[in-house]
Amino acid sequence: QKMQQWEVLDSAHFIHTHSKDVSIPVEGVENAARLLLDVRKQGEFRLSGWREQALNPKELNEATVAWIFLVDTLNFSFWADTPEDLPEVEFEGKKYTGYWTLCAAINRALKEGIPVTTASYMKSITLDQVKHIFRTSNGKEIPLLDRRVEVIQEAGRVLDEKFSGCFTNLIKLAEKSAEKLVKLVVENFTSYDDHAMFSGKKVMIYKRVQILVADIWACFEGKGYGEFSDIDIITMFADYRVPQGLVYLNALKYSDELIRKLESNHLFSPGDREEVEIRGNSIWSVELIRRKMNEILEAEGNEKGGDPLNGVVIDFFLWGYAKANSKEMANIPIHKVRGIFY
């Protein structure tokens, strides 16, 4: 009897075996595994790295959990057609683009005394308030502001009505289970219910809810609010940046037809077949890389101890790697979708 697999991994495997335009080269997986083992040896998978990021909170308390929940509620759609079109947010004399505009804007709001992470404020936030909070220094507007109003309102309302205004109450209900916390969030907050229909089957991709659990785990370094006995079930977070890194490492391969579509700047709709293939195969590729890394460690006889080795830390590294090597990867087009799931 095989152990019941995590539904995201099950979905990813199903997508992988039914894909037409995306595949996973075996040799690419092996090479990526060796590269990642090298960076793990250099300490790149340390959890303490999370709080070392300039914009991430440093305190280990309820306010930090509230910050992480708001950030991951809004953790979607930061790409632009060209680098010149990227919105910039200025905070404490520095300019930020992409995902970091979100963190900078929230930190700036908190510094201005706007209680943006508080449920009672969130549930009645207005478009004008959101426009003020996410104002940019270069006149380019952050995408989907109207949808951001909706998801903040829903998050605040549900927190207020069901969980006494505190996300920590969901963590307590989850009883140190990442799987239980994912399910609680998806069942209560519609904006986190990231799934699609693929080949006649409902597939779960759960990017933001998994990254929410992962951020809490990493921030609290697996202790206190961040203690989850089953954190290793969490998969990579299927966005548009990590797949680009996987293609660069040859651990993901697109058909010529799909490459042509991507190069023509095609805008996919959430749930399009190719989009689901890219996301599902990215999850499965990282799972295969993780298995290969463990295999190599076992063969070397030193699989015990050391920094964590799971989908979370592999994803965190690949996201940073793709961002740091964006110049080298400029020839690999990202897939573009405007939606609230990523």
Protein backbone atom coordinates (compact mmCIF):
# COMPACT_ATOMS: atom_id res chain seq x y z
CA GLN A 1 0.00 0.00 0.00
CA LYS A 2 1.51 3.32 -1.01
CA MET A 3 1.28 6.24 1.34
CA GLN A 4 -1.34 8.79 0.33
CA GLN A 5 0.63 11.41 -1.59
CA TRP A 6 0.21 15.13 -0.99
CA GLU A 7 -2.51 16.25 -3.42
CA VAL A 8 -0.30 18.91 -5.01
CA LEU A 9 2.34 16.29 -5.81
CA ASP A 10 -0.32 13.90 -7.10
CA SER A 11 -1.65 16.67 -9.34
CA ALA A 12 1.84 17.54 -10.57
CA HIS A 13 2.55 13.92 -11.48
CA PHE A 14 -0.79 13.66 -13.30
CA ILE A 15 -0.04 16.87 -15.24
CA HIS A 16 3.46 15.60 -16.07
CA THR A 17 2.21 12.29 -17.47
CA HIS A 18 -0.46 14.02 -19.60
CA SER A 19 1.65 16.88 -20.96
CA LYS A 20 2.14 17.66 -24.65
CA ASP A 21 4.37 20.74 -24.61
CA VAL A 22 6.47 20.49 -21.45
CA SER A 23 8.86 17.70 -20.49
CA ILE A 24 11.56 17.04 -17.89
CA PRO A 25 14.99 15.94 -19.21
CA VAL A 26 16.53 13.31 -16.89
CA GLU A 27 20.12 14.55 -17.35
CA GLY A 28 19.00 18.11 -16.55
CA VAL A 29 17.47 16.90 -13.28
CA GLU A 30 20.70 15.16 -12.32
CA ASN A 31 22.87 18.20 -13.15
CA ALA A 32 20.54 20.50 -11.23
CA ALA A 33 20.66 18.13 -8.24
CA ARG A 34 24.47 18.26 -8.21
CA LEU A 35 24.50 22.06 -8.50
CA LEU A 36 22.03 22.34 -5.62
CA LEU A 37 24.01 19.93 -3.44
CA ASP A 38 27.04 22.16 -3.95
CA VAL A 39 25.17 25.31 -2.91
CA ARG A 40 23.66 23.44 0.05
CA LYS A 41 27.20 22.55 1.18
CA GLN A 42 27.99 26.27 1.03
CA GLY A 43 25.11 26.98 3.44
CA GLU A 44 22.63 28.39 0.90
CA PHE A 45 19.76 26.38 2.40
CA ARG A 46 20.09 27.87 5.89
CA LEU A 47 16.71 29.01 7.17
CA SER A 48 18.28 32.03 8.84
CA GLY A 49 18.62 33.47 5.33
CA TRP A 50 14.92 34.37 5.33
CA ARG A 51 15.15 37.02 8.04
CA GLU A 52 18.40 38.33 6.54
CA GLN A 53 16.46 39.65 3.52
CA ALA A 54 16.36 43.42 4.01
CA LEU A 55 12.58 43.84 3.78
CA ASN A 56 11.51 40.76 5.74
CA PRO A 57 10.46 41.21 9.38
CA LYS A 58 13.03 40.46 12.07
CA GLU A 59 10.81 39.98 15.15
CA LEU A 60 9.38 36.55 15.95
CA ASN A 61 5.87 37.47 17.02
CA GLU A 62 2.20 37.66 16.02
CA ALA A 63 2.72 40.91 14.09
CA THR A 64 5.23 39.12 11.85
CA VAL A 65 2.73 36.33 11.16
CA ALA A 66 0.16 39.00 10.20
CA TRP A 67 2.73 40.59 7.86
CA ILE A 68 3.49 37.25 6.17
CA PHE A 69 -0.23 36.51 5.75
CA LEU A 70 -0.91 39.87 4.08
CA VAL A 71 2.17 39.63 1.84
CA ASP A 72 1.27 36.15 0.62
CA THR A 73 -2.37 37.13 0.15
CA LEU A 74 -1.02 39.70 -2.34
CA ASN A 75 1.85 37.62 -3.71
CA PHE A 76 0.81 37.59 -7.37
CA SER A 77 1.41 39.20 -10.74
CA PHE A 78 4.47 41.45 -10.53
CA TRP A 79 5.81 40.96 -14.05
CA ALA A 80 5.85 43.61 -16.77
CA ASP A 81 6.34 43.36 -20.53
CA THR A 82 9.70 45.09 -20.41
CA PRO A 83 12.09 45.98 -17.58
CA GLU A 84 11.27 49.67 -18.24
CA ASP A 85 7.60 48.96 -17.50
CA LEU A 86 8.30 47.51 -14.03
CA PRO A 87 6.70 49.57 -11.25
CA GLU A 88 9.18 50.85 -8.66
CA VAL A 89 8.45 51.41 -5.00
CA GLU A 90 10.79 53.56 -2.97
CA PHE A 91 11.29 52.81 0.71
CA GLU A 92 13.94 54.26 3.02
CA GLY A 93 15.91 55.64 0.09
CA LYS A 94 15.97 52.41 -1.95
CA LYS A 95 13.99 51.47 -5.03
CA TYR A 96 12.45 48.01 -5.38
CA THR A 97 10.86 46.15 -8.30
CA GLY A 98 8.95 42.88 -8.76
CA TYR A 99 7.86 41.00 -5.64
CA TRP A 100 9.90 43.34 -3.44
CA THR A 101 7.61 46.28 -4.37
CA LEU A 102 4.94 44.50 -2.32
CA CYS A 103 7.12 44.13 0.78
CA ALA A 104 8.44 47.67 0.48
CA ALA A 105 4.94 49.14 0.09
CA ILE A 106 3.62 47.28 3.13
CA ASN A 107 6.64 48.25 5.24
CA ARG A 108 6.25 51.87 4.15
CA ALA A 109 2.54 51.83 5.05
CA LEU A 110 3.25 50.38 8.50
CA LYS A 111 5.94 53.01 9.04
CA GLU A 112 3.38 55.70 8.12
CA GLY A 113 1.07 54.32 10.80
CA ILE A 114 -1.38 52.62 8.42
CA PRO A 115 -2.52 49.38 10.14
CA VAL A 116 -2.49 47.52 6.83
CA THR A 117 -1.88 44.07 8.41
CA THR A 118 -4.79 44.40 10.87
CA ALA A 119 -7.97 42.47 10.00
CA SER A 120 -10.37 45.27 10.92
CA TYR A 121 -8.53 47.67 8.58
CA MET A 122 -8.14 45.08 5.82
CA LYS A 123 -11.83 44.14 5.64
CA SER A 124 -12.96 47.67 4.81
CA ILE A 125 -9.95 48.87 2.78
CA THR A 126 -10.83 51.01 -0.26
CA LEU A 127 -9.34 51.25 -3.73
CA ASP A 128 -8.05 54.76 -2.89
CA GLN A 129 -6.26 53.43 0.18
CA VAL A 130 -4.74 50.58 -1.84
CA LYS A 131 -3.62 53.07 -4.52
CA HIS A 132 -1.94 55.16 -1.83
CA ILE A 133 -0.26 52.18 -0.16
CA PHE A 134 1.03 50.82 -3.49
CA ARG A 135 2.01 54.15 -5.04
CA THR A 136 5.14 53.97 -7.15
CA SER A 137 8.02 56.35 -7.77
CA ASN A 138 8.10 55.91 -11.56
CA GLY A 139 4.44 56.35 -12.52
CA LYS A 140 3.97 52.67 -13.44
CA GLU A 141 0.99 51.19 -11.61
CA ILE A 142 1.24 47.84 -9.80
CA PRO A 143 -1.01 45.40 -11.72
CA LEU A 144 -4.49 44.26 -10.65
CA LEU A 145 -5.08 46.85 -7.90
CA ASP A 146 -8.84 46.23 -8.03
CA ARG A 147 -8.32 42.50 -7.44
CA ARG A 148 -5.88 43.33 -4.63
CA VAL A 149 -8.63 45.34 -2.90
CA GLU A 150 -10.94 42.30 -3.12
CA VAL A 151 -8.44 39.78 -1.74
CA ILE A 152 -7.39 42.07 1.14
CA GLN A 153 -11.06 42.67 2.03
CA GLU A 154 -11.84 38.95 1.96
CA ALA A 155 -8.77 38.12 4.06
CA GLY A 156 -9.69 40.73 6.67
CA ARG A 157 -13.35 39.76 6.73
CA VAL A 158 -12.71 36.02 7.17
CA LEU A 159 -10.03 36.62 9.81
CA ASP A 160 -12.42 38.89 11.70
CA GLU A 161 -15.52 36.71 11.43
CA LYS A 162 -13.99 33.28 11.95
CA PHE A 163 -10.58 33.60 13.62
CA SER A 164 -10.83 36.56 16.05
CA GLY A 165 -8.82 38.69 13.63
CA CYS A 166 -5.59 36.68 13.96
CA PHE A 167 -3.95 34.31 11.51
CA THR A 168 -2.15 32.72 14.46
CA ASN A 169 -5.50 31.14 15.35
CA LEU A 170 -5.40 29.17 12.10
CA ILE A 171 -1.87 28.05 12.95
CA LYS A 172 -3.09 26.83 16.35
CA LEU A 173 -5.97 24.93 14.71
CA ALA A 174 -3.51 23.25 12.32
CA GLU A 175 -1.73 21.56 15.24
CA LYS A 176 1.76 21.72 13.72
CA SER A 177 0.60 20.22 10.41
CA ALA A 178 1.51 22.03 7.18
CA GLU A 179 -1.07 19.95 5.31
CA LYS A 180 -3.81 20.90 7.77
CA LEU A 181 -2.88 24.59 7.59
CA VAL A 182 -2.95 24.52 3.77
CA LYS A 183 -6.43 22.97 3.86
CA LEU A 184 -7.71 25.42 6.47
CA VAL A 185 -6.53 28.38 4.39
CA VAL A 186 -7.90 27.05 1.09
CA GLU A 187 -11.27 26.19 2.65
CA ASN A 188 -11.67 29.61 4.26
CA PHE A 189 -10.05 32.06 1.80
CA THR A 190 -11.20 31.70 -1.83
CA SER A 191 -8.27 33.73 -3.16
CA TYR A 192 -5.91 30.92 -2.10
CA ASP A 193 -7.83 28.13 -3.89
CA ASP A 194 -5.33 27.78 -6.73
CA HIS A 195 -6.53 24.85 -8.85
CA ALA A 196 -7.33 24.12 -12.48
CA MET A 197 -9.09 21.56 -14.67
CA PHE A 198 -6.60 19.54 -16.72
CA SER A 199 -7.36 16.50 -18.91
CA GLY A 200 -10.72 16.11 -17.19
CA LYS A 201 -9.29 16.19 -13.66
CA LYS A 202 -9.19 18.88 -10.97
CA VAL A 203 -5.54 19.61 -10.20
CA MET A 204 -4.25 21.50 -7.14
CA ILE A 205 -1.31 23.84 -7.58
CA TYR A 206 -1.62 25.93 -4.42
CA LYS A 207 1.24 28.36 -5.00
CA ARG A 208 0.39 31.12 -2.52
CA VAL A 209 -0.92 28.93 0.28
CA GLN A 210 2.17 26.73 0.17
CA ILE A 211 4.49 29.73 0.14
CA LEU A 212 2.52 31.16 3.07
CA VAL A 213 3.23 28.04 5.14
CA ALA A 214 6.83 27.97 3.91
CA ASP A 215 7.45 31.63 4.80
CA ILE A 216 6.13 31.08 8.34
CA TRP A 217 8.30 27.96 8.69
CA ALA A 218 11.42 29.70 7.38
CA CYS A 219 10.90 32.95 9.29
CA PHE A 220 10.43 31.13 12.60
CA GLU A 221 13.10 28.57 11.63
CA GLY A 222 10.80 25.64 12.29
CA LYS A 223 10.01 26.69 15.85
CA GLY A 224 7.03 28.28 17.61
CA TYR A 225 4.48 29.40 15.01
CA GLY A 226 6.78 27.86 12.38
CA GLU A 227 6.86 24.32 13.75
CA PHE A 228 5.37 21.83 11.26
CA SER A 229 6.04 18.10 11.59
CA ASP A 230 5.24 17.53 7.90
CA ILE A 231 6.86 20.58 6.23
CA ASP A 232 8.56 18.30 3.70
CA ILE A 233 5.24 17.69 1.91
CA ILE A 234 5.23 21.31 0.68
CA THR A 235 6.24 21.46 -2.98
CA MET A 236 7.84 24.20 -5.03
CA PHE A 237 5.60 27.24 -5.58
CA ALA A 238 4.59 27.27 -9.23
CA ASP A 239 5.04 30.84 -10.44
CA TYR A 240 6.60 32.34 -13.58
CA ARG A 241 10.14 32.91 -12.27
CA VAL A 242 11.23 29.43 -11.07
CA PRO A 243 10.17 27.65 -14.31
CA GLN A 244 12.51 30.04 -16.16
CA GLY A 245 15.35 28.92 -13.86
CA LEU A 246 14.45 25.27 -14.43
CA VAL A 247 14.51 25.74 -18.22
CA TYR A 248 17.88 27.47 -17.89
CA LEU A 249 19.19 24.45 -15.93
CA ASN A 250 17.64 22.09 -18.52
CA ALA A 251 15.47 20.50 -15.81
CA LEU A 252 12.41 21.64 -17.78
CA LYS A 253 11.97 21.62 -21.56
CA TYR A 254 9.41 23.41 -23.74
CA SER A 255 8.30 22.26 -27.19
CA ASP A 256 9.26 24.46 -30.16
CA GLU A 257 5.62 25.39 -30.55
CA LEU A 258 5.35 26.54 -26.94
CA ILE A 259 8.61 28.49 -27.22
CA ARG A 260 7.24 30.28 -30.30
CA LYS A 261 4.08 31.12 -28.38
CA LEU A 262 6.06 32.46 -25.42
CA GLU A 263 8.34 34.48 -27.68
CA SER A 264 5.34 36.07 -29.38
CA ASN A 265 4.48 37.53 -25.94
CA HIS A 266 1.30 35.46 -25.74
CA LEU A 267 -0.89 36.27 -22.74
CA PHE A 268 -2.26 33.04 -21.27
CA SER A 269 -5.47 32.86 -19.30
CA PRO A 270 -5.41 31.15 -15.90
CA GLY A 271 -6.12 27.47 -16.52
CA ASP A 272 -4.90 27.32 -20.14
CA ARG A 273 -3.43 23.89 -20.92
CA GLU A 274 0.11 25.11 -21.58
CA GLU A 275 0.08 27.25 -18.45
CA VAL A 276 -1.00 24.29 -16.30
CA GLU A 277 1.66 22.11 -17.98
CA ILE A 278 4.40 24.61 -17.12
CA ARG A 279 3.25 24.88 -13.51
CA GLY A 280 2.68 21.16 -12.92
CA ASN A 281 5.93 20.09 -14.54
CA SER A 282 7.85 22.69 -12.53
CA ILE A 283 6.53 21.12 -9.32
CA TRP A 284 7.35 17.61 -10.57
CA SER A 285 10.82 18.65 -11.78
CA VAL A 286 11.70 20.06 -8.35
CA GLU A 287 10.38 16.86 -6.74
CA LEU A 288 12.62 14.78 -9.02
CA ILE A 289 15.58 17.06 -8.23
CA ARG A 290 14.88 16.62 -4.51
CA ARG A 291 14.74 12.81 -4.85
CA LYS A 292 17.96 12.82 -6.89
CA MET A 293 19.72 14.96 -4.26
CA ASN A 294 18.69 12.51 -1.53
CA GLU A 295 19.82 9.59 -3.70
CA ILE A 296 23.27 11.15 -4.20
CA LEU A 297 23.58 11.97 -0.48
CA GLU A 298 22.63 8.40 0.44
CA ALA A 299 25.16 6.98 -2.02
CA GLU A 300 27.82 9.21 -0.42
CA GLY A 301 26.68 7.98 2.99
CA ASN A 302 26.07 11.44 4.43
CA GLU A 303 22.33 11.99 4.16
CA LYS A 304 21.97 12.67 7.89
CA GLY A 305 22.01 16.13 9.34
CA GLY A 306 22.87 19.38 7.63
CA ASP A 307 20.48 22.09 6.46
CA PRO A 308 16.94 21.14 5.44
CA LEU A 309 16.40 19.56 2.04
CA ASN A 310 12.86 19.86 0.74
CA GLY A 311 10.76 21.56 -1.92
CA VAL A 312 10.72 24.79 0.07
CA VAL A 313 14.47 25.39 0.30
CA ILE A 314 15.00 24.24 -3.29
CA ASP A 315 12.36 26.73 -4.46
CA PHE A 316 13.75 29.58 -2.35
CA PHE A 317 17.18 28.99 -3.88
CA LEU A 318 15.93 28.66 -7.48
CA TRP A 319 13.84 31.84 -7.21
CA GLY A 320 16.86 33.80 -5.98
CA TYR A 321 19.06 32.11 -8.60
CA ALA A 322 16.66 33.07 -11.41
CA LYS A 323 16.45 36.64 -10.12
CA ALA A 324 20.25 36.94 -9.73
CA ASN A 325 20.92 35.47 -13.20
CA SER A 326 18.10 37.28 -14.99
CA LYS A 327 20.56 38.74 -17.55
CA GLU A 328 21.78 35.26 -18.55
CA MET A 329 18.18 34.04 -18.66
CA ALA A 330 16.84 36.96 -20.66
CA ASN A 331 16.58 34.72 -23.73
CA ILE A 332 14.24 32.33 -21.89
CA PRO A 333 10.76 33.83 -22.04
CA ILE A 334 8.54 33.63 -18.95
CA HIS A 335 4.93 32.58 -19.40
CA LYS A 336 2.61 35.49 -18.82
CA VAL A 337 -0.70 35.32 -16.99
CA ARG A 338 -2.56 38.09 -15.20
CA GLY A 339 -4.29 36.43 -12.29
CA ILE A 340 -4.40 36.33 -8.51
CA PHE A 341 -2.85 32.88 -7.98
CA TYR A 342 0.75 33.88 -8.81
